[in-house]
Amino acid sequence: QQLSGFHLIPPRMMLGVLKEGCTYAGTVILKNVGVD
């Protein structure tokens, strides 16, 4: 269990204040920190 898994970078996504009717995007990295 300790040798497998992913880490999320960043672990949460805070987008702040958004304008209604618009589309926004952000990127999160999913990194494999295991050995397989």
Full PDB file with SEQRES, HELIX, SHEET, SSBOND, CRYST1, ORIGX, SCALE, CONECT and MASTER records, all heavy atoms in Angstrom:
SEQRES   1 A   36  GLN GLN LEU SER GLY PHE HIS LEU ILE PRO PRO ARG MET          
SEQRES   2 A   36  MET LEU GLY VAL LEU LYS GLU GLY CYS THR TYR ALA GLY          
SEQRES   3 A   36  THR VAL ILE LEU LYS ASN VAL GLY VAL ASP                      
SHEET    1 AA1 2 PHE A   6  ILE A   9  0                                        
SHEET    2 AA1 2 ILE A  29  ASN A  32 -1                                        
CRYST1    1.000    1.000    1.000  90.00  90.00  90.00 P 1           1          
ORIGX1      1.000000  0.000000  0.000000        0.00000                         
ORIGX2      0.000000  1.000000  0.000000        0.00000                         
ORIGX3      0.000000  0.000000  1.000000        0.00000                         
SCALE1      1.000000  0.000000  0.000000        0.00000                         
SCALE2      0.000000  1.000000  0.000000        0.00000                         
SCALE3      0.000000  0.000000  1.000000        0.00000                         
ATOM      1  N   GLN A   1       0.827  -1.211   0.000  1.00  0.00           N  
ATOM      2  CA  GLN A   1       0.000   0.000   0.000  1.00  0.00           C  
ATOM      3  C   GLN A   1       0.866   1.268   0.000  1.00  0.00           C  
ATOM      4  O   GLN A   1       0.513   2.249  -0.598  1.00  0.00           O  
ATOM      5  CB  GLN A   1      -0.909  -0.019   1.241  1.00  0.00           C  
ATOM      6  CG  GLN A   1      -1.950   1.082   1.274  1.00  0.00           C  
ATOM      7  CD  GLN A   1      -3.109   0.805   0.347  1.00  0.00           C  
ATOM      8  OE1 GLN A   1      -3.303  -0.310  -0.114  1.00  0.00           O  
ATOM      9  NE2 GLN A   1      -3.886   1.806   0.064  1.00  0.00           N  
ATOM     10  N   GLN A   2       2.009   1.236   0.672  1.00  0.00           N  
ATOM     11  CA  GLN A   2       2.856   2.414   0.749  1.00  0.00           C  
ATOM     12  C   GLN A   2       3.660   2.619  -0.529  1.00  0.00           C  
ATOM     13  O   GLN A   2       4.197   3.688  -0.750  1.00  0.00           O  
ATOM     14  CB  GLN A   2       3.808   2.296   1.936  1.00  0.00           C  
ATOM     15  CG  GLN A   2       3.104   2.312   3.268  1.00  0.00           C  
ATOM     16  CD  GLN A   2       4.036   1.966   4.406  1.00  0.00           C  
ATOM     17  OE1 GLN A   2       5.175   1.589   4.195  1.00  0.00           O  
ATOM     18  NE2 GLN A   2       3.553   2.087   5.622  1.00  0.00           N  
ATOM     19  N   LEU A   3       3.783   1.595  -1.363  1.00  0.00           N  
ATOM     20  CA  LEU A   3       4.586   1.683  -2.571  1.00  0.00           C  
ATOM     21  C   LEU A   3       3.762   1.953  -3.814  1.00  0.00           C  
ATOM     22  O   LEU A   3       4.262   1.847  -4.915  1.00  0.00           O  
ATOM     23  CB  LEU A   3       5.371   0.376  -2.756  1.00  0.00           C  
ATOM     24  CG  LEU A   3       6.390   0.084  -1.688  1.00  0.00           C  
ATOM     25  CD1 LEU A   3       6.980  -1.290  -1.890  1.00  0.00           C  
ATOM     26  CD2 LEU A   3       7.475   1.138  -1.691  1.00  0.00           C  
ATOM     27  N   SER A   4       2.500   2.252  -3.649  1.00  0.00           N  
ATOM     28  CA  SER A   4       1.668   2.517  -4.807  1.00  0.00           C  
ATOM     29  C   SER A   4       0.746   3.677  -4.507  1.00  0.00           C  
ATOM     30  O   SER A   4       0.443   3.963  -3.362  1.00  0.00           O  
ATOM     31  CB  SER A   4       0.859   1.279  -5.173  1.00  0.00           C  
ATOM     32  OG  SER A   4      -0.051   0.978  -4.143  1.00  0.00           O  
ATOM     33  N   GLY A   5       0.330   4.346  -5.553  1.00  0.00           N  
ATOM     34  CA  GLY A   5      -0.634   5.416  -5.372  1.00  0.00           C  
ATOM     35  C   GLY A   5      -0.277   6.656  -6.151  1.00  0.00           C  
ATOM     36  O   GLY A   5       0.784   6.763  -6.769  1.00  0.00           O  
ATOM     37  N   PHE A   6      -1.211   7.569  -6.135  1.00  0.00           N  
ATOM     38  CA  PHE A   6      -1.070   8.843  -6.822  1.00  0.00           C  
ATOM     39  C   PHE A   6      -1.063   9.978  -5.814  1.00  0.00           C  
ATOM     40  O   PHE A   6      -1.628   9.861  -4.734  1.00  0.00           O  
ATOM     41  CB  PHE A   6      -2.267   9.064  -7.759  1.00  0.00           C  
ATOM     42  CG  PHE A   6      -2.242   8.240  -9.014  1.00  0.00           C  
ATOM     43  CD1 PHE A   6      -3.087   7.165  -9.160  1.00  0.00           C  
ATOM     44  CD2 PHE A   6      -1.403   8.558 -10.058  1.00  0.00           C  
ATOM     45  CE1 PHE A   6      -3.084   6.414 -10.321  1.00  0.00           C  
ATOM     46  CE2 PHE A   6      -1.389   7.824 -11.223  1.00  0.00           C  
ATOM     47  CZ  PHE A   6      -2.239   6.743 -11.355  1.00  0.00           C  
ATOM     48  N   HIS A   7      -0.420  11.062  -6.198  1.00  0.00           N  
ATOM     49  CA  HIS A   7      -0.521  12.328  -5.470  1.00  0.00           C  
ATOM     50  C   HIS A   7      -1.143  13.346  -6.398  1.00  0.00           C  
ATOM     51  O   HIS A   7      -0.806  13.406  -7.585  1.00  0.00           O  
ATOM     52  CB  HIS A   7       0.849  12.819  -5.018  1.00  0.00           C  
ATOM     53  CG  HIS A   7       1.342  12.155  -3.778  1.00  0.00           C  
ATOM     54  ND1 HIS A   7       2.464  12.569  -3.118  1.00  0.00           N  
ATOM     55  CD2 HIS A   7       0.869  11.108  -3.063  1.00  0.00           C  
ATOM     56  CE1 HIS A   7       2.668  11.800  -2.063  1.00  0.00           C  
ATOM     57  NE2 HIS A   7       1.719  10.913  -2.014  1.00  0.00           N  
ATOM     58  N   LEU A   8      -2.029  14.161  -5.855  1.00  0.00           N  
ATOM     59  CA  LEU A   8      -2.645  15.249  -6.606  1.00  0.00           C  
ATOM     60  C   LEU A   8      -1.886  16.535  -6.328  1.00  0.00           C  
ATOM     61  O   LEU A   8      -1.632  16.878  -5.170  1.00  0.00           O  
ATOM     62  CB  LEU A   8      -4.109  15.434  -6.183  1.00  0.00           C  
ATOM     63  CG  LEU A   8      -5.083  14.404  -6.698  1.00  0.00           C  
ATOM     64  CD1 LEU A   8      -6.404  14.536  -5.970  1.00  0.00           C  
ATOM     65  CD2 LEU A   8      -5.285  14.575  -8.183  1.00  0.00           C  
ATOM     66  N   ILE A   9      -1.502  17.233  -7.386  1.00  0.00           N  
ATOM     67  CA  ILE A   9      -0.781  18.503  -7.237  1.00  0.00           C  
ATOM     68  C   ILE A   9      -1.536  19.563  -8.025  1.00  0.00           C  
ATOM     69  O   ILE A   9      -1.546  19.482  -9.246  1.00  0.00           O  
ATOM     70  CB  ILE A   9       0.666  18.368  -7.761  1.00  0.00           C  
ATOM     71  CG1 ILE A   9       1.372  17.203  -7.079  1.00  0.00           C  
ATOM     72  CG2 ILE A   9       1.432  19.672  -7.566  1.00  0.00           C  
ATOM     73  CD1 ILE A   9       2.665  16.803  -7.735  1.00  0.00           C  
ATOM     74  N   PRO A  10      -2.168  20.521  -7.429  1.00  0.00           N  
ATOM     75  CA  PRO A  10      -2.427  20.746  -6.005  1.00  0.00           C  
ATOM     76  C   PRO A  10      -3.519  19.807  -5.495  1.00  0.00           C  
ATOM     77  O   PRO A  10      -4.309  19.299  -6.289  1.00  0.00           O  
ATOM     78  CB  PRO A  10      -2.902  22.202  -5.960  1.00  0.00           C  
ATOM     79  CG  PRO A  10      -3.531  22.428  -7.289  1.00  0.00           C  
ATOM     80  CD  PRO A  10      -2.765  21.574  -8.258  1.00  0.00           C  
ATOM     81  N   PRO A  11      -3.595  19.593  -4.170  1.00  0.00           N  
ATOM     82  CA  PRO A  11      -4.562  18.639  -3.623  1.00  0.00           C  
ATOM     83  C   PRO A  11      -6.008  19.134  -3.641  1.00  0.00           C  
ATOM     84  O   PRO A  11      -6.918  18.366  -3.393  1.00  0.00           O  
ATOM     85  CB  PRO A  11      -4.084  18.424  -2.187  1.00  0.00           C  
ATOM     86  CG  PRO A  11      -3.267  19.616  -1.873  1.00  0.00           C  
ATOM     87  CD  PRO A  11      -2.679  20.091  -3.162  1.00  0.00           C  
ATOM     88  N   ARG A  12      -6.229  20.411  -3.922  1.00  0.00           N  
ATOM     89  CA  ARG A  12      -7.588  20.967  -4.019  1.00  0.00           C  
ATOM     90  C   ARG A  12      -7.575  22.092  -5.032  1.00  0.00           C  
ATOM     91  O   ARG A  12      -6.523  22.658  -5.329  1.00  0.00           O  
ATOM     92  CB  ARG A  12      -8.084  21.452  -2.661  1.00  0.00           C  
ATOM     93  CG  ARG A  12      -7.350  22.662  -2.124  1.00  0.00           C  
ATOM     94  CD  ARG A  12      -7.682  22.970  -0.694  1.00  0.00           C  
ATOM     95  NE  ARG A  12      -7.334  21.917   0.226  1.00  0.00           N  
ATOM     96  CZ  ARG A  12      -6.119  21.719   0.712  1.00  0.00           C  
ATOM     97  NH1 ARG A  12      -5.139  22.510   0.367  1.00  0.00           N  
ATOM     98  NH2 ARG A  12      -5.868  20.753   1.558  1.00  0.00           N  
ATOM     99  N   MET A  13      -8.761  22.423  -5.559  1.00  0.00           N  
ATOM    100  CA  MET A  13      -8.852  23.460  -6.572  1.00  0.00           C  
ATOM    101  C   MET A  13      -9.818  24.537  -6.101  1.00  0.00           C  
ATOM    102  O   MET A  13     -11.023  24.298  -6.013  1.00  0.00           O  
ATOM    103  CB  MET A  13      -9.319  22.845  -7.884  1.00  0.00           C  
ATOM    104  CG  MET A  13      -9.071  23.698  -9.065  1.00  0.00           C  
ATOM    105  SD  MET A  13      -9.241  22.703 -10.529  1.00  0.00           S  
ATOM    106  CE  MET A  13      -8.305  23.684 -11.621  1.00  0.00           C  
ATOM    107  N   MET A  14      -9.281  25.711  -5.794  1.00  0.00           N  
ATOM    108  CA  MET A  14     -10.081  26.860  -5.386  1.00  0.00           C  
ATOM    109  C   MET A  14     -10.082  27.856  -6.546  1.00  0.00           C  
ATOM    110  O   MET A  14      -9.045  28.433  -6.865  1.00  0.00           O  
ATOM    111  CB  MET A  14      -9.497  27.519  -4.132  1.00  0.00           C  
ATOM    112  CG  MET A  14      -9.323  26.577  -2.971  1.00  0.00           C  
ATOM    113  SD  MET A  14     -10.886  25.928  -2.420  1.00  0.00           S  
ATOM    114  CE  MET A  14     -10.396  25.020  -0.999  1.00  0.00           C  
ATOM    115  N   LEU A  15     -11.234  28.042  -7.168  1.00  0.00           N  
ATOM    116  CA  LEU A  15     -11.303  28.865  -8.372  1.00  0.00           C  
ATOM    117  C   LEU A  15     -11.664  30.322  -8.099  1.00  0.00           C  
ATOM    118  O   LEU A  15     -11.602  31.135  -9.003  1.00  0.00           O  
ATOM    119  CB  LEU A  15     -12.301  28.241  -9.355  1.00  0.00           C  
ATOM    120  CG  LEU A  15     -11.894  26.855  -9.859  1.00  0.00           C  
ATOM    121  CD1 LEU A  15     -13.037  26.213 -10.606  1.00  0.00           C  
ATOM    122  CD2 LEU A  15     -10.676  26.952 -10.736  1.00  0.00           C  
ATOM    123  N   GLY A  16     -12.063  30.652  -6.886  1.00  0.00           N  
ATOM    124  CA  GLY A  16     -12.371  32.038  -6.548  1.00  0.00           C  
ATOM    125  C   GLY A  16     -13.727  32.472  -7.071  1.00  0.00           C  
ATOM    126  O   GLY A  16     -14.663  31.685  -7.183  1.00  0.00           O  
ATOM    127  N   VAL A  17     -13.845  33.747  -7.443  1.00  0.00           N  
ATOM    128  CA  VAL A  17     -15.114  34.313  -7.917  1.00  0.00           C  
ATOM    129  C   VAL A  17     -15.142  34.237  -9.439  1.00  0.00           C  
ATOM    130  O   VAL A  17     -14.223  34.715 -10.111  1.00  0.00           O  
ATOM    131  CB  VAL A  17     -15.279  35.772  -7.430  1.00  0.00           C  
ATOM    132  CG1 VAL A  17     -16.581  36.358  -7.946  1.00  0.00           C  
ATOM    133  CG2 VAL A  17     -15.235  35.830  -5.912  1.00  0.00           C  
ATOM    134  N   LEU A  18     -16.217  33.651  -9.981  1.00  0.00           N  
ATOM    135  CA  LEU A  18     -16.365  33.465 -11.417  1.00  0.00           C  
ATOM    136  C   LEU A  18     -17.590  34.221 -11.916  1.00  0.00           C  
ATOM    137  O   LEU A  18     -18.575  34.356 -11.205  1.00  0.00           O  
ATOM    138  CB  LEU A  18     -16.524  31.980 -11.755  1.00  0.00           C  
ATOM    139  CG  LEU A  18     -15.499  31.016 -11.152  1.00  0.00           C  
ATOM    140  CD1 LEU A  18     -15.852  29.591 -11.526  1.00  0.00           C  
ATOM    141  CD2 LEU A  18     -14.109  31.370 -11.617  1.00  0.00           C  
ATOM    142  N   LYS A  19     -17.539  34.697 -13.154  1.00  0.00           N  
ATOM    143  CA  LYS A  19     -18.656  35.414 -13.772  1.00  0.00           C  
ATOM    144  C   LYS A  19     -19.625  34.406 -14.377  1.00  0.00           C  
ATOM    145  O   LYS A  19     -19.216  33.489 -15.093  1.00  0.00           O  
ATOM    146  CB  LYS A  19     -18.134  36.350 -14.855  1.00  0.00           C  
ATOM    147  CG  LYS A  19     -19.197  37.178 -15.512  1.00  0.00           C  
ATOM    148  CD  LYS A  19     -18.600  38.072 -16.571  1.00  0.00           C  
ATOM    149  CE  LYS A  19     -19.693  38.818 -17.300  1.00  0.00           C  
ATOM    150  NZ  LYS A  19     -19.160  39.599 -18.405  1.00  0.00           N  
ATOM    151  N   GLU A  20     -20.897  34.584 -14.103  1.00  0.00           N  
ATOM    152  CA  GLU A  20     -21.921  33.672 -14.615  1.00  0.00           C  
ATOM    153  C   GLU A  20     -21.950  33.682 -16.139  1.00  0.00           C  
ATOM    154  O   GLU A  20     -21.825  34.715 -16.770  1.00  0.00           O  
ATOM    155  CB  GLU A  20     -23.290  34.074 -14.070  1.00  0.00           C  
ATOM    156  CG  GLU A  20     -24.397  33.129 -14.483  1.00  0.00           C  
ATOM    157  CD  GLU A  20     -25.763  33.547 -13.967  1.00  0.00           C  
ATOM    158  OE1 GLU A  20     -25.892  34.670 -13.455  1.00  0.00           O  
ATOM    159  OE2 GLU A  20     -26.689  32.743 -14.098  1.00  0.00           O  
ATOM    160  N   GLY A  21     -22.061  32.477 -16.724  1.00  0.00           N  
ATOM    161  CA  GLY A  21     -22.139  32.354 -18.171  1.00  0.00           C  
ATOM    162  C   GLY A  21     -20.796  32.162 -18.854  1.00  0.00           C  
ATOM    163  O   GLY A  21     -20.744  31.974 -20.059  1.00  0.00           O  
ATOM    164  N   CYS A  22     -19.712  32.188 -18.118  1.00  0.00           N  
ATOM    165  CA  CYS A  22     -18.374  32.021 -18.698  1.00  0.00           C  
ATOM    166  C   CYS A  22     -17.829  30.630 -18.343  1.00  0.00           C  
ATOM    167  O   CYS A  22     -18.248  30.013 -17.383  1.00  0.00           O  
ATOM    168  CB  CYS A  22     -17.415  33.094 -18.180  1.00  0.00           C  
ATOM    169  SG  CYS A  22     -17.869  34.745 -18.678  1.00  0.00           S  
ATOM    170  N   THR A  23     -16.874  30.180 -19.140  1.00  0.00           N  
ATOM    171  CA  THR A  23     -16.226  28.895 -18.910  1.00  0.00           C  
ATOM    172  C   THR A  23     -14.795  29.139 -18.439  1.00  0.00           C  
ATOM    173  O   THR A  23     -14.080  29.953 -19.024  1.00  0.00           O  
ATOM    174  CB  THR A  23     -16.212  28.048 -20.200  1.00  0.00           C  
ATOM    175  OG1 THR A  23     -17.561  27.869 -20.631  1.00  0.00           O  
ATOM    176  CG2 THR A  23     -15.580  26.702 -19.960  1.00  0.00           C  
ATOM    177  N   TYR A  24     -14.401  28.432 -17.396  1.00  0.00           N  
ATOM    178  CA  TYR A  24     -13.066  28.555 -16.821  1.00  0.00           C  
ATOM    179  C   TYR A  24     -12.431  27.169 -16.762  1.00  0.00           C  
ATOM    180  O   TYR A  24     -13.133  26.162 -16.705  1.00  0.00           O  
ATOM    181  CB  TYR A  24     -13.138  29.143 -15.408  1.00  0.00           C  
ATOM    182  CG  TYR A  24     -13.721  30.528 -15.366  1.00  0.00           C  
ATOM    183  CD1 TYR A  24     -15.099  30.721 -15.267  1.00  0.00           C  
ATOM    184  CD2 TYR A  24     -12.911  31.652 -15.433  1.00  0.00           C  
ATOM    185  CE1 TYR A  24     -15.641  31.988 -15.231  1.00  0.00           C  
ATOM    186  CE2 TYR A  24     -13.442  32.931 -15.392  1.00  0.00           C  
ATOM    187  CZ  TYR A  24     -14.815  33.091 -15.290  1.00  0.00           C  
ATOM    188  OH  TYR A  24     -15.343  34.335 -15.263  1.00  0.00           O  
ATOM    189  N   ALA A  25     -11.109  27.126 -16.765  1.00  0.00           N  
ATOM    190  CA  ALA A  25     -10.407  25.842 -16.711  1.00  0.00           C  
ATOM    191  C   ALA A  25      -9.157  25.959 -15.848  1.00  0.00           C  
ATOM    192  O   ALA A  25      -8.564  27.033 -15.723  1.00  0.00           O  
ATOM    193  CB  ALA A  25     -10.026  25.378 -18.112  1.00  0.00           C  
ATOM    194  N   GLY A  26      -8.784  24.847 -15.272  1.00  0.00           N  
ATOM    195  CA  GLY A  26      -7.561  24.744 -14.483  1.00  0.00           C  
ATOM    196  C   GLY A  26      -6.991  23.350 -14.631  1.00  0.00           C  
ATOM    197  O   GLY A  26      -7.694  22.423 -15.033  1.00  0.00           O  
ATOM    198  N   THR A  27      -5.710  23.199 -14.313  1.00  0.00           N  
ATOM    199  CA  THR A  27      -5.039  21.915 -14.479  1.00  0.00           C  
ATOM    200  C   THR A  27      -4.580  21.372 -13.138  1.00  0.00           C  
ATOM    201  O   THR A  27      -4.051  22.111 -12.311  1.00  0.00           O  
ATOM    202  CB  THR A  27      -3.823  22.072 -15.415  1.00  0.00           C  
ATOM    203  OG1 THR A  27      -4.269  22.601 -16.656  1.00  0.00           O  
ATOM    204  CG2 THR A  27      -3.144  20.745 -15.658  1.00  0.00           C  
ATOM    205  N   VAL A  28      -4.787  20.075 -12.952  1.00  0.00           N  
ATOM    206  CA  VAL A  28      -4.315  19.352 -11.769  1.00  0.00           C  
ATOM    207  C   VAL A  28      -3.426  18.223 -12.277  1.00  0.00           C  
ATOM    208  O   VAL A  28      -3.728  17.578 -13.278  1.00  0.00           O  
ATOM    209  CB  VAL A  28      -5.494  18.786 -10.955  1.00  0.00           C  
ATOM    210  CG1 VAL A  28      -5.000  17.914  -9.819  1.00  0.00           C  
ATOM    211  CG2 VAL A  28      -6.356  19.902 -10.425  1.00  0.00           C  
ATOM    212  N   ILE A  29      -2.308  17.992 -11.603  1.00  0.00           N  
ATOM    213  CA  ILE A  29      -1.375  16.929 -11.989  1.00  0.00           C  
ATOM    214  C   ILE A  29      -1.615  15.721 -11.096  1.00  0.00           C  
ATOM    215  O   ILE A  29      -1.685  15.844  -9.874  1.00  0.00           O  
ATOM    216  CB  ILE A  29       0.077  17.411 -11.880  1.00  0.00           C  
ATOM    217  CG1 ILE A  29       0.325  18.513 -12.909  1.00  0.00           C  
ATOM    218  CG2 ILE A  29       1.047  16.260 -12.076  1.00  0.00           C  
ATOM    219  CD1 ILE A  29       1.663  19.181 -12.776  1.00  0.00           C  
ATOM    220  N   LEU A  30      -1.741  14.562 -11.721  1.00  0.00           N  
ATOM    221  CA  LEU A  30      -1.891  13.293 -11.029  1.00  0.00           C  
ATOM    222  C   LEU A  30      -0.588  12.534 -11.222  1.00  0.00           C  
ATOM    223  O   LEU A  30      -0.282  12.075 -12.314  1.00  0.00           O  
ATOM    224  CB  LEU A  30      -3.079  12.525 -11.621  1.00  0.00           C  
ATOM    225  CG  LEU A  30      -3.523  11.264 -10.929  1.00  0.00           C  
ATOM    226  CD1 LEU A  30      -4.045  11.576  -9.530  1.00  0.00           C  
ATOM    227  CD2 LEU A  30      -4.599  10.577 -11.738  1.00  0.00           C  
ATOM    228  N   LYS A  31       0.227  12.454 -10.148  1.00  0.00           N  
ATOM    229  CA  LYS A  31       1.570  11.877 -10.247  1.00  0.00           C  
ATOM    230  C   LYS A  31       1.613  10.503  -9.585  1.00  0.00           C  
ATOM    231  O   LYS A  31       1.168  10.330  -8.458  1.00  0.00           O  
ATOM    232  CB  LYS A  31       2.591  12.796  -9.584  1.00  0.00           C  
ATOM    233  CG  LYS A  31       4.005  12.295  -9.731  1.00  0.00           C  
ATOM    234  CD  LYS A  31       5.010  13.308  -9.265  1.00  0.00           C  
ATOM    235  CE  LYS A  31       6.401  12.778  -9.546  1.00  0.00           C  
ATOM    236  NZ  LYS A  31       7.418  13.770  -9.337  1.00  0.00           N  
ATOM    237  N   ASN A  32       2.175   9.524 -10.302  1.00  0.00           N  
ATOM    238  CA  ASN A  32       2.340   8.171  -9.776  1.00  0.00           C  
ATOM    239  C   ASN A  32       3.603   8.143  -8.921  1.00  0.00           C  
ATOM    240  O   ASN A  32       4.708   8.276  -9.421  1.00  0.00           O  
ATOM    241  CB  ASN A  32       2.447   7.166 -10.924  1.00  0.00           C  
ATOM    242  CG  ASN A  32       2.556   5.735 -10.436  1.00  0.00           C  
ATOM    243  OD1 ASN A  32       2.684   5.466  -9.254  1.00  0.00           O  
ATOM    244  ND2 ASN A  32       2.510   4.806 -11.366  1.00  0.00           N  
ATOM    245  N   VAL A  33       3.426   7.962  -7.602  1.00  0.00           N  
ATOM    246  CA  VAL A  33       4.564   7.942  -6.682  1.00  0.00           C  
ATOM    247  C   VAL A  33       4.924   6.521  -6.264  1.00  0.00           C  
ATOM    248  O   VAL A  33       5.727   6.322  -5.360  1.00  0.00           O  
ATOM    249  CB  VAL A  33       4.283   8.808  -5.431  1.00  0.00           C  
ATOM    250  CG1 VAL A  33       4.171  10.264  -5.808  1.00  0.00           C  
ATOM    251  CG2 VAL A  33       3.038   8.331  -4.704  1.00  0.00           C  
ATOM    252  N   GLY A  34       4.344   5.532  -6.938  1.00  0.00           N  
ATOM    253  CA  GLY A  34       4.615   4.136  -6.615  1.00  0.00           C  
ATOM    254  C   GLY A  34       5.753   3.566  -7.438  1.00  0.00           C  
ATOM    255  O   GLY A  34       6.474   4.284  -8.133  1.00  0.00           O  
ATOM    256  N   VAL A  35       5.912   2.229  -7.371  1.00  0.00           N  
ATOM    257  CA  VAL A  35       6.969   1.540  -8.098  1.00  0.00           C  
ATOM    258  C   VAL A  35       6.432   0.746  -9.283  1.00  0.00           C  
ATOM    259  O   VAL A  35       7.201   0.169 -10.036  1.00  0.00           O  
ATOM    260  CB  VAL A  35       7.773   0.608  -7.161  1.00  0.00           C  
ATOM    261  CG1 VAL A  35       8.520   1.408  -6.118  1.00  0.00           C  
ATOM    262  CG2 VAL A  35       6.878  -0.431  -6.517  1.00  0.00           C  
ATOM    263  N   ASP A  36       5.114   0.678  -9.463  1.00  0.00           N  
ATOM    264  CA  ASP A  36       4.479  -0.025 -10.574  1.00  0.00           C  
ATOM    265  C   ASP A  36       3.620   0.950 -11.361  1.00  0.00           C  
ATOM    266  O   ASP A  36       3.290   2.031 -10.875  1.00  0.00           O  
ATOM    267  CB  ASP A  36       3.570  -1.152 -10.062  1.00  0.00           C  
ATOM    268  CG  ASP A  36       4.342  -2.267  -9.394  1.00  0.00           C  
ATOM    269  OD1 ASP A  36       5.475  -2.534  -9.830  1.00  0.00           O  
ATOM    270  OD2 ASP A  36       3.815  -2.860  -8.430  1.00  0.00           O  
TER     271      ASP A  36                                                      
MASTER        0    0    0    0    2    0    0    6  270    1    0    3          
END                                                                             
